[in-house]
């Protein structure tokens, strides 16, 4: 399970990189992302509406966003809740779409300097240098 969570965190922060940056995430990471979104659809709706809650805390933990930046992260996701909920629509949710959803969350998070600092720290901890 730990390796899968680490893979989800890497997908969160790295999937937007060019294909030359390395191999695509393993299939089990896409499947784990899909299972995560399907299992938490209702909670995710509530949490995105509020900008806080267990789903946002889970995502922050996966990406190793520092606790002091959780409010910023929640605000960013709240501001883009309609888009994120549309991307997580269960009728079109495949492992690839779930990875795309994670990538979009990571892309949105990168718009905030403090979250970008968390991203760089996460990647450095995993030996990824840009």
N, C-alpha and C. Protein backbone atom coordinates (compact mmCIF):
# COMPACT_ATOMS: atom_id res chain seq x y z
N UNK A 1 0.82 -1.20 0.00
CA UNK A 1 0.00 0.00 0.00
C UNK A 1 0.86 1.26 0.00
N UNK A 2 1.96 1.25 0.76
CA UNK A 2 2.83 2.41 0.81
C UNK A 2 3.41 2.77 -0.55
N UNK A 3 3.81 1.75 -1.31
CA UNK A 3 4.35 2.00 -2.64
C UNK A 3 3.29 2.60 -3.55
N UNK A 4 2.04 2.14 -3.40
CA UNK A 4 0.96 2.69 -4.22
C UNK A 4 0.71 4.14 -3.86
N UNK A 5 0.70 4.46 -2.56
CA UNK A 5 0.51 5.86 -2.15
C UNK A 5 1.64 6.73 -2.66
N UNK A 6 2.86 6.22 -2.57
CA UNK A 6 4.00 6.97 -3.12
C UNK A 6 3.84 7.18 -4.61
N UNK A 7 3.35 6.15 -5.31
CA UNK A 7 3.11 6.27 -6.74
C UNK A 7 2.04 7.29 -7.05
N UNK A 8 1.00 7.33 -6.22
CA UNK A 8 -0.05 8.34 -6.41
C UNK A 8 0.51 9.73 -6.19
N UNK A 9 1.35 9.88 -5.18
CA UNK A 9 1.98 11.18 -4.94
C UNK A 9 2.86 11.59 -6.10
N UNK A 10 3.64 10.66 -6.62
CA UNK A 10 4.47 10.98 -7.78
C UNK A 10 3.61 11.33 -8.99
N UNK A 11 2.52 10.59 -9.19
CA UNK A 11 1.63 10.90 -10.31
C UNK A 11 1.05 12.31 -10.14
N UNK A 12 0.70 12.64 -8.92
CA UNK A 12 0.14 13.95 -8.59
C UNK A 12 1.08 15.06 -9.04
N UNK A 13 2.36 14.91 -8.73
CA UNK A 13 3.31 15.99 -9.02
C UNK A 13 4.03 15.87 -10.35
N UNK A 14 4.09 14.67 -10.93
CA UNK A 14 4.97 14.49 -12.09
C UNK A 14 4.28 14.19 -13.40
N UNK A 15 3.05 13.84 -13.40
CA UNK A 15 2.43 13.36 -14.62
C UNK A 15 2.43 14.40 -15.73
N UNK A 16 2.56 15.66 -15.38
CA UNK A 16 2.56 16.72 -16.39
C UNK A 16 3.90 16.86 -17.08
N UNK A 17 4.91 16.17 -16.59
CA UNK A 17 6.23 16.27 -17.20
C UNK A 17 6.20 15.66 -18.60
N UNK A 18 7.12 16.07 -19.41
CA UNK A 18 7.22 15.54 -20.77
C UNK A 18 7.48 14.04 -20.74
N UNK A 19 7.00 13.30 -21.75
CA UNK A 19 7.22 11.86 -21.79
C UNK A 19 8.68 11.46 -21.67
N UNK A 20 9.60 12.31 -22.12
CA UNK A 20 11.02 11.98 -22.03
C UNK A 20 11.52 11.97 -20.59
N UNK A 21 10.70 12.45 -19.65
CA UNK A 21 11.13 12.50 -18.25
C UNK A 21 11.16 11.13 -17.61
N UNK A 22 10.61 10.13 -18.27
CA UNK A 22 10.65 8.79 -17.70
C UNK A 22 9.46 7.99 -18.15
N UNK A 23 9.39 6.74 -17.67
CA UNK A 23 8.29 5.88 -18.08
C UNK A 23 6.98 6.34 -17.48
N UNK A 24 5.86 5.94 -18.09
CA UNK A 24 4.56 6.31 -17.51
C UNK A 24 4.38 5.59 -16.18
N UNK A 25 3.47 6.09 -15.34
CA UNK A 25 3.24 5.41 -14.07
C UNK A 25 2.76 3.98 -14.31
N UNK A 26 3.10 3.06 -13.40
CA UNK A 26 2.61 1.68 -13.56
C UNK A 26 1.08 1.65 -13.57
N UNK A 27 0.53 0.62 -14.21
CA UNK A 27 -0.92 0.50 -14.33
C UNK A 27 -1.60 0.48 -12.97
N UNK A 28 -0.95 -0.12 -11.96
CA UNK A 28 -1.60 -0.19 -10.66
C UNK A 28 -1.79 1.19 -10.04
N UNK A 29 -0.98 2.17 -10.42
CA UNK A 29 -1.16 3.53 -9.89
C UNK A 29 -2.43 4.14 -10.48
N UNK A 30 -2.65 3.95 -11.77
CA UNK A 30 -3.89 4.44 -12.38
C UNK A 30 -5.11 3.75 -11.80
N UNK A 31 -5.00 2.46 -11.59
CA UNK A 31 -6.11 1.71 -10.99
C UNK A 31 -6.35 2.16 -9.55
N UNK A 32 -5.27 2.43 -8.81
CA UNK A 32 -5.42 2.92 -7.44
C UNK A 32 -6.08 4.29 -7.41
N UNK A 33 -5.69 5.16 -8.35
CA UNK A 33 -6.30 6.49 -8.44
C UNK A 33 -7.78 6.37 -8.77
N UNK A 34 -8.11 5.47 -9.70
CA UNK A 34 -9.51 5.26 -10.07
C UNK A 34 -10.30 4.74 -8.87
N UNK A 35 -9.76 3.76 -8.17
CA UNK A 35 -10.45 3.20 -6.99
C UNK A 35 -10.62 4.26 -5.92
N UNK A 36 -9.61 5.08 -5.72
CA UNK A 36 -9.69 6.16 -4.72
C UNK A 36 -10.84 7.11 -5.05
N UNK A 37 -10.89 7.56 -6.29
CA UNK A 37 -11.94 8.51 -6.68
C UNK A 37 -13.33 7.89 -6.60
N UNK A 38 -13.46 6.65 -7.05
CA UNK A 38 -14.78 6.00 -7.00
C UNK A 38 -15.25 5.79 -5.57
N UNK A 39 -14.35 5.41 -4.69
CA UNK A 39 -14.72 5.13 -3.30
C UNK A 39 -15.05 6.40 -2.51
N UNK A 40 -14.56 7.53 -2.98
CA UNK A 40 -14.71 8.76 -2.20
C UNK A 40 -15.52 9.84 -2.91
N UNK A 41 -16.30 9.45 -3.89
CA UNK A 41 -17.05 10.43 -4.69
C UNK A 41 -17.89 11.36 -3.83
N UNK A 42 -18.69 10.80 -2.95
CA UNK A 42 -19.58 11.63 -2.12
C UNK A 42 -18.76 12.54 -1.20
N UNK A 43 -17.77 11.98 -0.53
CA UNK A 43 -16.95 12.78 0.39
C UNK A 43 -16.19 13.85 -0.38
N UNK A 44 -15.70 13.51 -1.55
CA UNK A 44 -14.97 14.48 -2.36
C UNK A 44 -15.85 15.66 -2.74
N UNK A 45 -17.10 15.38 -3.10
CA UNK A 45 -18.04 16.47 -3.42
C UNK A 45 -18.19 17.43 -2.23
N UNK A 46 -18.40 16.86 -1.06
CA UNK A 46 -18.56 17.68 0.15
C UNK A 46 -17.30 18.48 0.44
N UNK A 47 -16.15 17.82 0.36
CA UNK A 47 -14.90 18.46 0.72
C UNK A 47 -14.52 19.57 -0.27
N UNK A 48 -14.77 19.34 -1.55
CA UNK A 48 -14.48 20.38 -2.53
C UNK A 48 -15.41 21.58 -2.34
N UNK A 49 -16.64 21.32 -1.93
CA UNK A 49 -17.58 22.41 -1.67
C UNK A 49 -17.11 23.27 -0.49
N UNK A 50 -16.50 22.64 0.49
CA UNK A 50 -16.04 23.35 1.68
C UNK A 50 -14.59 23.83 1.58
N UNK A 51 -13.82 23.17 0.75
CA UNK A 51 -12.39 23.49 0.68
C UNK A 51 -11.61 22.84 1.81
N UNK A 52 -12.22 21.87 2.46
CA UNK A 52 -11.58 21.17 3.59
C UNK A 52 -12.29 19.85 3.80
N UNK A 53 -11.59 18.94 4.45
CA UNK A 53 -12.20 17.66 4.80
C UNK A 53 -11.26 16.50 4.54
N UNK A 54 -11.72 15.29 4.84
CA UNK A 54 -10.85 14.11 4.75
C UNK A 54 -10.25 13.85 3.37
N UNK A 55 -11.00 14.10 2.32
CA UNK A 55 -10.47 13.85 0.97
C UNK A 55 -9.33 14.80 0.65
N UNK A 56 -9.48 16.04 1.01
CA UNK A 56 -8.43 17.03 0.76
C UNK A 56 -7.22 16.71 1.63
N UNK A 57 -7.45 16.28 2.85
CA UNK A 57 -6.34 15.89 3.72
C UNK A 57 -5.62 14.66 3.16
N UNK A 58 -6.37 13.69 2.62
CA UNK A 58 -5.77 12.51 2.00
C UNK A 58 -4.88 12.90 0.81
N UNK A 59 -5.42 13.73 -0.05
CA UNK A 59 -4.65 14.17 -1.22
C UNK A 59 -3.39 14.92 -0.79
N UNK A 60 -3.51 15.76 0.20
CA UNK A 60 -2.36 16.51 0.70
C UNK A 60 -1.32 15.56 1.28
N UNK A 61 -1.77 14.54 1.98
CA UNK A 61 -0.84 13.56 2.56
C UNK A 61 -0.12 12.78 1.45
N UNK A 62 -0.86 12.38 0.41
CA UNK A 62 -0.25 11.67 -0.71
C UNK A 62 0.87 12.49 -1.34
N UNK A 63 0.63 13.78 -1.47
CA UNK A 63 1.57 14.68 -2.14
C UNK A 63 2.56 15.31 -1.15
N UNK A 64 2.44 14.93 0.10
CA UNK A 64 3.29 15.48 1.17
C UNK A 64 3.25 17.00 1.23
N UNK A 65 2.06 17.52 1.14
CA UNK A 65 1.87 18.96 1.32
C UNK A 65 1.92 19.21 2.83
N UNK A 66 2.73 20.15 3.21
CA UNK A 66 2.90 20.44 4.63
C UNK A 66 1.58 20.88 5.25
N UNK A 67 1.39 20.47 6.48
CA UNK A 67 0.16 20.76 7.23
C UNK A 67 -0.17 22.25 7.21
N UNK A 68 0.83 23.08 7.33
CA UNK A 68 0.58 24.54 7.35
C UNK A 68 0.09 25.06 6.00
N UNK A 69 0.23 24.26 4.95
CA UNK A 69 -0.24 24.66 3.63
C UNK A 69 -1.56 24.00 3.24
N UNK A 70 -2.13 23.24 4.14
CA UNK A 70 -3.37 22.54 3.85
C UNK A 70 -4.51 23.50 3.50
N UNK A 71 -4.60 24.61 4.20
CA UNK A 71 -5.66 25.58 3.92
C UNK A 71 -5.53 26.16 2.50
N UNK A 72 -4.31 26.45 2.09
CA UNK A 72 -4.07 26.96 0.73
C UNK A 72 -4.50 25.92 -0.30
N UNK A 73 -4.09 24.68 -0.06
CA UNK A 73 -4.44 23.58 -0.96
C UNK A 73 -5.96 23.43 -1.06
N UNK A 74 -6.63 23.45 0.07
CA UNK A 74 -8.09 23.34 0.08
C UNK A 74 -8.75 24.47 -0.68
N UNK A 75 -8.23 25.68 -0.52
CA UNK A 75 -8.79 26.83 -1.22
C UNK A 75 -8.65 26.67 -2.73
N UNK A 76 -7.48 26.23 -3.17
CA UNK A 76 -7.25 26.03 -4.61
C UNK A 76 -8.23 25.00 -5.17
N UNK A 77 -8.40 23.89 -4.47
CA UNK A 77 -9.32 22.87 -4.95
C UNK A 77 -10.76 23.36 -4.92
N UNK A 78 -11.12 24.10 -3.89
CA UNK A 78 -12.47 24.66 -3.80
C UNK A 78 -12.76 25.58 -4.98
N UNK A 79 -11.79 26.41 -5.33
CA UNK A 79 -11.97 27.35 -6.44
C UNK A 79 -12.18 26.65 -7.77
N UNK A 80 -11.72 25.42 -7.89
CA UNK A 80 -11.82 24.66 -9.15
C UNK A 80 -12.70 23.43 -9.01
N UNK A 81 -13.59 23.46 -8.03
CA UNK A 81 -14.39 22.27 -7.72
C UNK A 81 -15.25 21.79 -8.87
N UNK A 82 -15.85 22.68 -9.62
CA UNK A 82 -16.71 22.24 -10.72
C UNK A 82 -15.91 21.46 -11.77
N UNK A 83 -14.77 21.99 -12.13
CA UNK A 83 -13.91 21.31 -13.09
C UNK A 83 -13.45 19.96 -12.55
N UNK A 84 -13.02 19.92 -11.29
CA UNK A 84 -12.52 18.67 -10.71
C UNK A 84 -13.62 17.62 -10.59
N UNK A 85 -14.81 18.04 -10.23
CA UNK A 85 -15.91 17.08 -10.14
C UNK A 85 -16.29 16.56 -11.51
N UNK A 86 -16.26 17.41 -12.52
CA UNK A 86 -16.56 16.96 -13.88
C UNK A 86 -15.51 15.95 -14.35
N UNK A 87 -14.25 16.20 -14.02
CA UNK A 87 -13.19 15.28 -14.43
C UNK A 87 -13.28 13.93 -13.70
N UNK A 88 -13.87 13.93 -12.52
CA UNK A 88 -13.99 12.71 -11.72
C UNK A 88 -15.32 11.99 -11.93
N UNK A 89 -16.09 12.41 -12.91
CA UNK A 89 -17.39 11.80 -13.18
C UNK A 89 -17.24 10.30 -13.38
N UNK A 90 -17.97 9.52 -12.60
CA UNK A 90 -17.79 8.07 -12.59
C UNK A 90 -18.10 7.40 -13.93
N UNK A 91 -18.97 7.97 -14.73
CA UNK A 91 -19.32 7.33 -16.00
C UNK A 91 -18.15 7.31 -16.98
N UNK A 92 -17.20 8.20 -16.83
CA UNK A 92 -16.05 8.23 -17.74
C UNK A 92 -14.73 8.00 -17.01
N UNK A 93 -14.79 7.50 -15.79
CA UNK A 93 -13.58 7.37 -14.98
C UNK A 93 -12.85 6.06 -15.28
N UNK A 94 -11.76 6.19 -15.99
CA UNK A 94 -10.87 5.08 -16.28
C UNK A 94 -9.58 5.31 -15.48
N UNK A 95 -8.70 4.34 -15.43
CA UNK A 95 -7.42 4.60 -14.76
C UNK A 95 -6.67 5.79 -15.37
N UNK A 96 -6.73 5.94 -16.67
CA UNK A 96 -6.06 7.06 -17.34
C UNK A 96 -6.70 8.39 -16.97
N UNK A 97 -8.05 8.42 -16.92
CA UNK A 97 -8.73 9.65 -16.52
C UNK A 97 -8.44 9.99 -15.06
N UNK A 98 -8.34 8.96 -14.22
CA UNK A 98 -8.04 9.20 -12.81
C UNK A 98 -6.64 9.80 -12.66
N UNK A 99 -5.69 9.30 -13.44
CA UNK A 99 -4.35 9.89 -13.41
C UNK A 99 -4.39 11.33 -13.93
N UNK A 100 -5.21 11.56 -14.94
CA UNK A 100 -5.38 12.92 -15.45
C UNK A 100 -5.97 13.84 -14.40
N UNK A 101 -6.89 13.31 -13.59
CA UNK A 101 -7.48 14.09 -12.50
C UNK A 101 -6.39 14.46 -11.49
N UNK A 102 -5.58 13.48 -11.12
CA UNK A 102 -4.48 13.77 -10.19
C UNK A 102 -3.53 14.81 -10.77
N UNK A 103 -3.25 14.66 -12.06
CA UNK A 103 -2.36 15.62 -12.71
C UNK A 103 -2.93 17.02 -12.67
N UNK A 104 -4.23 17.14 -12.89
CA UNK A 104 -4.86 18.46 -12.86
C UNK A 104 -4.80 19.06 -11.46
N UNK A 105 -5.02 18.24 -10.46
CA UNK A 105 -4.91 18.72 -9.08
C UNK A 105 -3.48 19.22 -8.83
N UNK A 106 -2.49 18.43 -9.28
CA UNK A 106 -1.11 18.86 -9.12
C UNK A 106 -0.81 20.15 -9.87
N UNK A 107 -1.36 20.26 -11.07
CA UNK A 107 -1.16 21.48 -11.87
C UNK A 107 -1.76 22.69 -11.16
N UNK A 108 -2.94 22.53 -10.61
CA UNK A 108 -3.58 23.62 -9.88
C UNK A 108 -2.77 23.99 -8.64
N UNK A 109 -2.28 22.98 -7.94
CA UNK A 109 -1.50 23.24 -6.73
C UNK A 109 -0.23 24.01 -7.04
N UNK A 110 0.34 23.75 -8.19
CA UNK A 110 1.59 24.42 -8.56
C UNK A 110 1.42 25.92 -8.78
N UNK A 111 0.20 26.41 -8.85
CA UNK A 111 -0.01 27.84 -9.03
C UNK A 111 0.26 28.62 -7.76
N UNK A 112 0.38 27.94 -6.64
CA UNK A 112 0.67 28.59 -5.36
C UNK A 112 2.11 28.33 -4.97
N UNK A 113 2.86 29.37 -4.69
CA UNK A 113 4.29 29.24 -4.40
C UNK A 113 4.57 28.27 -3.26
N UNK A 114 3.83 28.34 -2.18
CA UNK A 114 4.10 27.46 -1.04
C UNK A 114 3.83 26.00 -1.38
N UNK A 115 2.85 25.74 -2.23
CA UNK A 115 2.58 24.38 -2.66
C UNK A 115 3.65 23.90 -3.66
N UNK A 116 4.15 24.82 -4.44
CA UNK A 116 5.25 24.49 -5.36
C UNK A 116 6.50 24.10 -4.55
N UNK A 117 6.74 24.77 -3.44
CA UNK A 117 7.85 24.40 -2.56
C UNK A 117 7.67 22.98 -2.03
N UNK A 118 6.43 22.63 -1.67
CA UNK A 118 6.14 21.28 -1.20
C UNK A 118 6.39 20.26 -2.32
N UNK A 119 6.03 20.62 -3.54
CA UNK A 119 6.26 19.74 -4.69
C UNK A 119 7.74 19.47 -4.88
N UNK A 120 8.55 20.52 -4.84
CA UNK A 120 9.98 20.35 -5.03
C UNK A 120 10.60 19.51 -3.91
N UNK A 121 10.13 19.70 -2.68
CA UNK A 121 10.62 18.89 -1.56
C UNK A 121 10.23 17.42 -1.74
N UNK A 122 9.01 17.16 -2.20
CA UNK A 122 8.54 15.79 -2.44
C UNK A 122 9.42 15.13 -3.50
N UNK A 123 9.62 15.82 -4.61
CA UNK A 123 10.41 15.25 -5.69
C UNK A 123 11.85 15.00 -5.26
N UNK A 124 12.44 15.92 -4.51
CA UNK A 124 13.80 15.74 -4.01
C UNK A 124 13.89 14.52 -3.11
N UNK A 125 12.86 14.33 -2.26
CA UNK A 125 12.84 13.17 -1.36
C UNK A 125 12.78 11.86 -2.13
N UNK A 126 12.25 11.90 -3.35
CA UNK A 126 12.16 10.71 -4.20
C UNK A 126 13.29 10.66 -5.24
N UNK A 127 14.28 11.53 -5.08
CA UNK A 127 15.42 11.51 -5.97
C UNK A 127 15.17 12.04 -7.36
N UNK A 128 14.12 12.84 -7.51
CA UNK A 128 13.78 13.41 -8.82
C UNK A 128 14.26 14.85 -8.84
N UNK A 129 15.11 15.15 -9.80
CA UNK A 129 15.64 16.51 -9.93
C UNK A 129 15.16 17.06 -11.27
N UNK A 130 14.68 18.27 -11.25
CA UNK A 130 14.22 18.91 -12.50
C UNK A 130 15.30 19.78 -13.09
